[in-house]
Amino acid sequence: MIKLTQCVIVEGKYDKQKLSRILDATILATNGFRIFKDREKRRLIQTLAAQNGIIILTDSDSAGFQIRNHIKSFVPAEQITNVYIPEIAGKEKRKTEASKEGLLGVEGIPDEIIIAALAQAGITPEQKTQTGSKITKLDLYQDGFSGKPNSTAYRKRLLQYLNLPHYMTANSILEIINATMSAEGYHRMVKNILTQDVPTTHTVTPQKDLNAEPYETKTGGNFSFPDEK
């Protein structure tokens, strides 16, 4: 496994599954062209890019370049490392037909070629420096973010503090927490959150996104972690 501090941006869940067997890193899927309308995911990418930088690893077809260029339009160039896979004709095993352009996507590219593409982009493995054990779902429960009185309000405050989309699952939240802070940093954050008054309504102050349309603030309502897929 290659350990990376940067978040790796890919197009879909199968690309993420593929890279998860090669990389020990935070891997985020754009869900294809949905990134063009998903303002919350854009803000999440901006947050991750500002913290440790991002690696864009999309397919080598025209759709992949459209998604890559869109991300480059709202993330500063100095926070991006572009990794390109070669154009290899073929189709993935799970598909009955090849893609429109007849090229393999990230999920179908051999591991050694992906590793070579990373090296070509100047990406070298980095040992993650983390103090203490990783945060778990039990920590979220014990700290009042699930299964306790006021958990809904505290969880909303947690998502706001981390600048995360409201639809993030528990596993995704934990992945971001463990990728961006130490256990000590998490506990300091919890102390700050739990010592504040919990409002009955919640106002999100998003990170500035120059390409986003006017953002409609979400207030009130109940939130629960969606089922993991």
C-alpha atoms as a PDB file:
ATOM      1  CA  MET A   1       0.000   0.000   0.000  1.00  0.00           C
ATOM      2  CA  ILE A   2       1.222   3.466  -0.914  1.00  0.00           C
ATOM      3  CA  LYS A   3       0.512   6.028   1.806  1.00  0.00           C
ATOM      4  CA  LEU A   4      -0.368   9.527   0.631  1.00  0.00           C
ATOM      5  CA  THR A   5      -1.334  12.653   2.530  1.00  0.00           C
ATOM      6  CA  GLN A   6      -3.183  14.203  -0.414  1.00  0.00           C
ATOM      7  CA  CYS A   7      -6.811  13.400  -1.155  1.00  0.00           C
ATOM      8  CA  VAL A   8      -7.210  11.566  -4.480  1.00  0.00           C
ATOM      9  CA  ILE A   9     -10.139  12.668  -6.647  1.00  0.00           C
ATOM     10  CA  VAL A  10     -11.632  10.063  -9.010  1.00  0.00           C
ATOM     11  CA  GLU A  11     -14.815   9.852 -11.068  1.00  0.00           C
ATOM     12  CA  GLY A  12     -16.792   6.917  -9.674  1.00  0.00           C
ATOM     13  CA  LYS A  13     -17.150   4.311  -6.951  1.00  0.00           C
ATOM     14  CA  TYR A  14     -15.428   1.585  -8.987  1.00  0.00           C
ATOM     15  CA  ASP A  15     -12.397   3.834  -9.463  1.00  0.00           C
ATOM     16  CA  LYS A  16     -12.388   4.407  -5.706  1.00  0.00           C
ATOM     17  CA  GLN A  17     -12.585   0.673  -5.023  1.00  0.00           C
ATOM     18  CA  LYS A  18      -9.698   0.072  -7.410  1.00  0.00           C
ATOM     19  CA  LEU A  19      -7.413   2.678  -5.835  1.00  0.00           C
ATOM     20  CA  SER A  20      -8.332   1.586  -2.309  1.00  0.00           C
ATOM     21  CA  ARG A  21      -6.423  -1.636  -3.019  1.00  0.00           C
ATOM     22  CA  ILE A  22      -3.314   0.342  -3.972  1.00  0.00           C
ATOM     23  CA  LEU A  23      -3.375   3.507  -1.891  1.00  0.00           C
ATOM     24  CA  ASP A  24      -3.681   4.283   1.788  1.00  0.00           C
ATOM     25  CA  ALA A  25      -5.235   7.686   1.265  1.00  0.00           C
ATOM     26  CA  THR A  26      -8.475   9.609   1.352  1.00  0.00           C
ATOM     27  CA  ILE A  27     -10.217   8.908  -1.968  1.00  0.00           C
ATOM     28  CA  LEU A  28     -13.209  10.969  -3.065  1.00  0.00           C
ATOM     29  CA  ALA A  29     -15.452  10.223  -6.058  1.00  0.00           C
ATOM     30  CA  THR A  30     -17.087  13.043  -8.016  1.00  0.00           C
ATOM     31  CA  ASN A  31     -19.934  10.734  -9.105  1.00  0.00           C
ATOM     32  CA  GLY A  32     -19.215  11.631 -12.690  1.00  0.00           C
ATOM     33  CA  PHE A  33     -20.739  14.840 -14.006  1.00  0.00           C
ATOM     34  CA  ARG A  34     -22.760  15.336 -10.800  1.00  0.00           C
ATOM     35  CA  ILE A  35     -19.824  17.398  -9.541  1.00  0.00           C
ATOM     36  CA  PHE A  36     -20.948  20.180 -11.915  1.00  0.00           C
ATOM     37  CA  LYS A  37     -24.109  20.708  -9.823  1.00  0.00           C
ATOM     38  CA  ASP A  38     -22.956  19.464  -6.420  1.00  0.00           C
ATOM     39  CA  ARG A  39     -21.935  22.654  -4.609  1.00  0.00           C
ATOM     40  CA  GLU A  40     -21.418  20.880  -1.294  1.00  0.00           C
ATOM     41  CA  LYS A  41     -18.953  18.411  -2.802  1.00  0.00           C
ATOM     42  CA  ARG A  42     -17.104  21.295  -4.459  1.00  0.00           C
ATOM     43  CA  ARG A  43     -16.693  22.930  -1.064  1.00  0.00           C
ATOM     44  CA  LEU A  44     -15.488  19.634   0.407  1.00  0.00           C
ATOM     45  CA  ILE A  45     -12.866  19.315  -2.337  1.00  0.00           C
ATOM     46  CA  GLN A  46     -11.761  22.904  -1.699  1.00  0.00           C
ATOM     47  CA  THR A  47     -11.393  22.174   2.012  1.00  0.00           C
ATOM     48  CA  LEU A  48      -9.342  19.020   1.411  1.00  0.00           C
ATOM     49  CA  ALA A  49      -7.205  20.801  -1.193  1.00  0.00           C
ATOM     50  CA  ALA A  50      -6.418  23.645   1.213  1.00  0.00           C
ATOM     51  CA  GLN A  51      -5.365  21.209   3.938  1.00  0.00           C
ATOM     52  CA  ASN A  52      -3.065  18.749   2.132  1.00  0.00           C
ATOM     53  CA  GLY A  53      -3.562  19.266  -1.585  1.00  0.00           C
ATOM     54  CA  ILE A  54      -5.418  16.977  -3.970  1.00  0.00           C
ATOM     55  CA  ILE A  55      -4.470  14.530  -6.696  1.00  0.00           C
ATOM     56  CA  ILE A  56      -6.792  14.444  -9.710  1.00  0.00           C
ATOM     57  CA  LEU A  57      -6.876  10.987 -11.295  1.00  0.00           C
ATOM     58  CA  THR A  58      -9.711  10.847 -13.819  1.00  0.00           C
ATOM     59  CA  ASP A  59     -10.149   8.743 -16.953  1.00  0.00           C
ATOM     60  CA  SER A  60      -8.199   9.560 -20.092  1.00  0.00           C
ATOM     61  CA  ASP A  61     -11.323  10.099 -22.232  1.00  0.00           C
ATOM     62  CA  SER A  62     -12.992  13.425 -22.990  1.00  0.00           C
ATOM     63  CA  ALA A  63     -15.395  13.092 -20.043  1.00  0.00           C
ATOM     64  CA  GLY A  64     -12.471  12.610 -17.686  1.00  0.00           C
ATOM     65  CA  PHE A  65     -10.812  15.766 -18.965  1.00  0.00           C
ATOM     66  CA  GLN A  66     -14.038  17.753 -18.601  1.00  0.00           C
ATOM     67  CA  ILE A  67     -14.301  16.721 -14.956  1.00  0.00           C
ATOM     68  CA  ARG A  68     -10.598  17.414 -14.386  1.00  0.00           C
ATOM     69  CA  ASN A  69     -10.863  20.887 -15.908  1.00  0.00           C
ATOM     70  CA  HIS A  70     -13.960  21.665 -13.868  1.00  0.00           C
ATOM     71  CA  ILE A  71     -12.123  20.847 -10.631  1.00  0.00           C
ATOM     72  CA  LYS A  72      -9.195  22.977 -11.788  1.00  0.00           C
ATOM     73  CA  SER A  73     -11.618  25.885 -12.210  1.00  0.00           C
ATOM     74  CA  PHE A  74     -12.413  26.099  -8.479  1.00  0.00           C
ATOM     75  CA  VAL A  75      -9.220  24.800  -6.821  1.00  0.00           C
ATOM     76  CA  PRO A  76      -5.972  26.824  -6.959  1.00  0.00           C
ATOM     77  CA  ALA A  77      -3.353  25.290  -9.254  1.00  0.00           C
ATOM     78  CA  GLU A  78      -0.741  25.113  -6.479  1.00  0.00           C
ATOM     79  CA  GLN A  79      -3.019  22.759  -4.510  1.00  0.00           C
ATOM     80  CA  ILE A  80      -3.438  20.297  -7.396  1.00  0.00           C
ATOM     81  CA  THR A  81      -1.288  17.453  -8.668  1.00  0.00           C
ATOM     82  CA  ASN A  82      -2.504  16.091 -11.994  1.00  0.00           C
ATOM     83  CA  VAL A  83      -1.994  12.396 -12.648  1.00  0.00           C
ATOM     84  CA  TYR A  84      -2.761  11.067 -16.118  1.00  0.00           C
ATOM     85  CA  ILE A  85      -3.322   7.454 -17.119  1.00  0.00           C
ATOM     86  CA  PRO A  86      -2.420   6.414 -20.673  1.00  0.00           C
ATOM     87  CA  GLU A  87      -5.007   5.786 -23.371  1.00  0.00           C
ATOM     88  CA  ILE A  88      -5.448   2.007 -23.391  1.00  0.00           C
ATOM     89  CA  ALA A  89      -8.130   0.431 -25.572  1.00  0.00           C
ATOM     90  CA  GLY A  90     -10.430  -2.069 -23.901  1.00  0.00           C
ATOM     91  CA  LYS A  91     -13.363  -2.473 -21.514  1.00  0.00           C
ATOM     92  CA  GLU A  92     -13.722  -3.278 -17.849  1.00  0.00           C
ATOM     93  CA  LYS A  93     -14.727  -6.831 -16.900  1.00  0.00           C
ATOM     94  CA  ARG A  94     -17.987  -5.731 -15.259  1.00  0.00           C
ATOM     95  CA  LYS A  95     -19.176  -3.992 -18.446  1.00  0.00           C
ATOM     96  CA  THR A  96     -20.890  -5.640 -21.397  1.00  0.00           C
ATOM     97  CA  GLU A  97     -19.696  -2.960 -23.808  1.00  0.00           C
ATOM     98  CA  ALA A  98     -16.709  -0.647 -24.031  1.00  0.00           C
ATOM     99  CA  SER A  99     -17.101   3.050 -23.279  1.00  0.00           C
ATOM    100  CA  LYS A 100     -18.002   5.507 -26.026  1.00  0.00           C
ATOM    101  CA  GLU A 101     -14.347   6.158 -26.823  1.00  0.00           C
ATOM    102  CA  GLY A 102     -13.289   2.537 -26.288  1.00  0.00           C
ATOM    103  CA  LEU A 103     -10.762   3.332 -23.557  1.00  0.00           C
ATOM    104  CA  LEU A 104     -10.159   1.759 -20.181  1.00  0.00           C
ATOM    105  CA  GLY A 105     -11.048   3.927 -17.215  1.00  0.00           C
ATOM    106  CA  VAL A 106      -9.092   4.118 -13.976  1.00  0.00           C
ATOM    107  CA  GLU A 107     -10.843   1.009 -12.642  1.00  0.00           C
ATOM    108  CA  GLY A 108      -9.551  -1.078 -15.565  1.00  0.00           C
ATOM    109  CA  ILE A 109      -5.949   0.136 -15.632  1.00  0.00           C
ATOM    110  CA  PRO A 110      -3.359  -2.353 -14.243  1.00  0.00           C
ATOM    111  CA  ASP A 111      -1.959  -1.471 -10.827  1.00  0.00           C
ATOM    112  CA  GLU A 112       1.607  -1.097 -12.053  1.00  0.00           C
ATOM    113  CA  ILE A 113       0.568   1.470 -14.668  1.00  0.00           C
ATOM    114  CA  ILE A 114      -1.266   3.551 -12.063  1.00  0.00           C
ATOM    115  CA  ILE A 115       1.772   3.418  -9.766  1.00  0.00           C
ATOM    116  CA  ALA A 116       3.981   4.486 -12.686  1.00  0.00           C
ATOM    117  CA  ALA A 117       1.606   7.375 -13.476  1.00  0.00           C
ATOM    118  CA  LEU A 118       1.832   8.555  -9.870  1.00  0.00           C
ATOM    119  CA  ALA A 119       5.623   8.421 -10.003  1.00  0.00           C
ATOM    120  CA  GLN A 120       5.651  10.298 -13.311  1.00  0.00           C
ATOM    121  CA  ALA A 121       3.677  13.098 -11.647  1.00  0.00           C
ATOM    122  CA  GLY A 122       6.313  13.304  -8.922  1.00  0.00           C
ATOM    123  CA  ILE A 123       4.172  11.707  -6.215  1.00  0.00           C
ATOM    124  CA  THR A 124       6.145   9.778  -3.653  1.00  0.00           C
ATOM    125  CA  PRO A 125       4.775   7.814  -0.695  1.00  0.00           C
ATOM    126  CA  GLU A 126       4.598   9.754   2.555  1.00  0.00           C
ATOM    127  CA  GLN A 127       4.330   8.375   6.055  1.00  0.00           C
ATOM    128  CA  LYS A 128       1.234   9.843   7.639  1.00  0.00           C
ATOM    129  CA  THR A 129       1.965  11.385  11.010  1.00  0.00           C
ATOM    130  CA  GLN A 130      -0.899  10.712  13.354  1.00  0.00           C
ATOM    131  CA  THR A 131      -0.813  10.666  17.124  1.00  0.00           C
ATOM    132  CA  GLY A 132      -2.966   8.133  18.920  1.00  0.00           C
ATOM    133  CA  SER A 133      -5.536   5.719  17.533  1.00  0.00           C
ATOM    134  CA  LYS A 134      -8.076   6.446  14.832  1.00  0.00           C
ATOM    135  CA  ILE A 135     -11.487   7.861  15.656  1.00  0.00           C
ATOM    136  CA  THR A 136     -14.347   5.348  15.391  1.00  0.00           C
ATOM    137  CA  LYS A 137     -18.148   5.298  15.400  1.00  0.00           C
ATOM    138  CA  LEU A 138     -17.958   4.515  19.111  1.00  0.00           C
ATOM    139  CA  ASP A 139     -16.174   7.837  19.633  1.00  0.00           C
ATOM    140  CA  LEU A 140     -18.970   9.640  17.784  1.00  0.00           C
ATOM    141  CA  TYR A 141     -21.502   7.961  20.068  1.00  0.00           C
ATOM    142  CA  GLN A 142     -19.587   8.608  23.270  1.00  0.00           C
ATOM    143  CA  ASP A 143     -19.067  12.243  22.291  1.00  0.00           C
ATOM    144  CA  GLY A 144     -22.779  12.771  21.739  1.00  0.00           C
ATOM    145  CA  PHE A 145     -22.924  12.911  17.944  1.00  0.00           C
ATOM    146  CA  SER A 146     -25.226   9.892  17.668  1.00  0.00           C
ATOM    147  CA  GLY A 147     -27.772   8.068  19.824  1.00  0.00           C
ATOM    148  CA  LYS A 148     -28.036  10.695  22.568  1.00  0.00           C
ATOM    149  CA  PRO A 149     -30.116  13.782  23.402  1.00  0.00           C
ATOM    150  CA  ASN A 150     -29.167  16.726  21.187  1.00  0.00           C
ATOM    151  CA  SER A 151     -27.169  14.412  18.881  1.00  0.00           C
ATOM    152  CA  THR A 152     -28.882  15.832  15.784  1.00  0.00           C
ATOM    153  CA  ALA A 153     -27.933  19.403  16.678  1.00  0.00           C
ATOM    154  CA  TYR A 154     -24.382  18.491  17.705  1.00  0.00           C
ATOM    155  CA  ARG A 155     -23.902  16.465  14.509  1.00  0.00           C
ATOM    156  CA  LYS A 156     -24.973  19.448  12.432  1.00  0.00           C
ATOM    157  CA  ARG A 157     -22.463  21.578  14.307  1.00  0.00           C
ATOM    158  CA  LEU A 158     -19.760  18.952  13.665  1.00  0.00           C
ATOM    159  CA  LEU A 159     -20.492  18.995   9.926  1.00  0.00           C
ATOM    160  CA  GLN A 160     -20.382  22.789   9.895  1.00  0.00           C
ATOM    161  CA  TYR A 161     -17.089  22.821  11.811  1.00  0.00           C
ATOM    162  CA  LEU A 162     -15.561  20.430   9.258  1.00  0.00           C
ATOM    163  CA  ASN A 163     -17.244  22.212   6.320  1.00  0.00           C
ATOM    164  CA  LEU A 164     -18.747  18.908   5.181  1.00  0.00           C
ATOM    165  CA  PRO A 165     -21.926  18.265   3.157  1.00  0.00           C
ATOM    166  CA  HIS A 166     -25.035  17.505   5.195  1.00  0.00           C
ATOM    167  CA  TYR A 167     -25.508  14.119   3.475  1.00  0.00           C
ATOM    168  CA  MET A 168     -22.126  12.683   4.579  1.00  0.00           C
ATOM    169  CA  THR A 169     -22.373   9.156   6.003  1.00  0.00           C
ATOM    170  CA  ALA A 170     -20.788   8.192   9.318  1.00  0.00           C
ATOM    171  CA  ASN A 171     -18.011   6.274   7.570  1.00  0.00           C
ATOM    172  CA  SER A 172     -17.271   9.203   5.265  1.00  0.00           C
ATOM    173  CA  ILE A 173     -17.136  11.626   8.194  1.00  0.00           C
ATOM    174  CA  LEU A 174     -14.716   9.350  10.018  1.00  0.00           C
ATOM    175  CA  GLU A 175     -12.556   9.043   6.898  1.00  0.00           C
ATOM    176  CA  ILE A 176     -12.261  12.830   6.661  1.00  0.00           C
ATOM    177  CA  ILE A 177     -11.601  13.242  10.405  1.00  0.00           C
ATOM    178  CA  ASN A 178      -8.854  10.603  10.423  1.00  0.00           C
ATOM    179  CA  ALA A 179      -7.299  12.011   7.251  1.00  0.00           C
ATOM    180  CA  THR A 180      -7.164  15.626   8.379  1.00  0.00           C
ATOM    181  CA  MET A 181      -6.439  15.594  12.115  1.00  0.00           C
ATOM    182  CA  SER A 182      -4.904  13.609  14.938  1.00  0.00           C
ATOM    183  CA  ALA A 183      -6.927  12.032  17.727  1.00  0.00           C
ATOM    184  CA  GLU A 184      -5.854  14.917  19.960  1.00  0.00           C
ATOM    185  CA  GLY A 185      -7.059  17.402  17.359  1.00  0.00           C
ATOM    186  CA  TYR A 186     -10.409  15.626  17.195  1.00  0.00           C
ATOM    187  CA  HIS A 187     -10.863  15.771  20.970  1.00  0.00           C
ATOM    188  CA  ARG A 188      -9.999  19.484  21.009  1.00  0.00           C
ATOM    189  CA  MET A 189     -12.579  20.040  18.283  1.00  0.00           C
ATOM    190  CA  VAL A 190     -15.196  18.085  20.254  1.00  0.00           C
ATOM    191  CA  LYS A 191     -14.516  20.174  23.348  1.00  0.00           C
ATOM    192  CA  ASN A 192     -15.060  23.365  21.344  1.00  0.00           C
ATOM    193  CA  ILE A 193     -18.290  22.052  19.833  1.00  0.00           C
ATOM    194  CA  LEU A 194     -19.824  20.669  23.015  1.00  0.00           C
ATOM    195  CA  THR A 195     -19.119  23.779  25.072  1.00  0.00           C
ATOM    196  CA  GLN A 196     -21.180  25.938  22.727  1.00  0.00           C
ATOM    197  CA  ASP A 197     -24.920  26.392  22.996  1.00  0.00           C
ATOM    198  CA  VAL A 198     -26.847  24.230  20.565  1.00  0.00           C
ATOM    199  CA  PRO A 199     -29.242  26.310  18.438  1.00  0.00           C
ATOM    200  CA  THR A 200     -32.673  25.125  17.406  1.00  0.00           C
ATOM    201  CA  THR A 201     -31.840  26.088  13.834  1.00  0.00           C
ATOM    202  CA  HIS A 202     -28.539  25.861  12.048  1.00  0.00           C
ATOM    203  CA  THR A 203     -26.942  28.218   9.562  1.00  0.00           C
ATOM    204  CA  VAL A 204     -24.206  26.897   7.303  1.00  0.00           C
ATOM    205  CA  THR A 205     -21.392  29.301   6.428  1.00  0.00           C
ATOM    206  CA  PRO A 206     -19.795  27.639   3.404  1.00  0.00           C
ATOM    207  CA  GLN A 207     -16.290  28.118   2.122  1.00  0.00           C
ATOM    208  CA  LYS A 208     -16.297  30.650  -0.705  1.00  0.00           C
ATOM    209  CA  ASP A 209     -16.919  29.061  -4.083  1.00  0.00           C
ATOM    210  CA  LEU A 210     -16.643  31.568  -6.896  1.00  0.00           C
ATOM    211  CA  ASN A 211     -18.235  29.181  -9.402  1.00  0.00           C
ATOM    212  CA  ALA A 212     -21.232  28.232  -7.296  1.00  0.00           C
ATOM    213  CA  GLU A 213     -24.705  29.594  -7.781  1.00  0.00           C
ATOM    214  CA  PRO A 214     -26.314  31.431  -4.823  1.00  0.00           C
ATOM    215  CA  TYR A 215     -26.476  28.956  -1.953  1.00  0.00           C
ATOM    216  CA  GLU A 216     -29.741  28.358  -0.153  1.00  0.00           C
ATOM    217  CA  THR A 217     -29.081  27.891   3.544  1.00  0.00           C
ATOM    218  CA  LYS A 218     -30.552  24.813   5.191  1.00  0.00           C
ATOM    219  CA  THR A 219     -32.133  25.308   8.589  1.00  0.00           C
ATOM    220  CA  GLY A 220     -33.874  23.063  11.060  1.00  0.00           C
ATOM    221  CA  GLY A 221     -35.022  19.525  10.300  1.00  0.00           C
ATOM    222  CA  ASN A 222     -33.673  16.224  11.560  1.00  0.00           C
ATOM    223  CA  PHE A 223     -30.541  14.517  10.330  1.00  0.00           C
ATOM    224  CA  SER A 224     -29.463  10.909  10.594  1.00  0.00           C
ATOM    225  CA  PHE A 225     -26.580   9.102   9.029  1.00  0.00           C
ATOM    226  CA  PRO A 226     -27.707   7.434   5.790  1.00  0.00           C
ATOM    227  CA  ASP A 227     -27.204   3.699   5.449  1.00  0.00           C
ATOM    228  CA  GLU A 228     -23.743   2.802   4.209  1.00  0.00           C
ATOM    229  CA  LYS A 229     -23.577   1.542   0.657  1.00  0.00           C
END
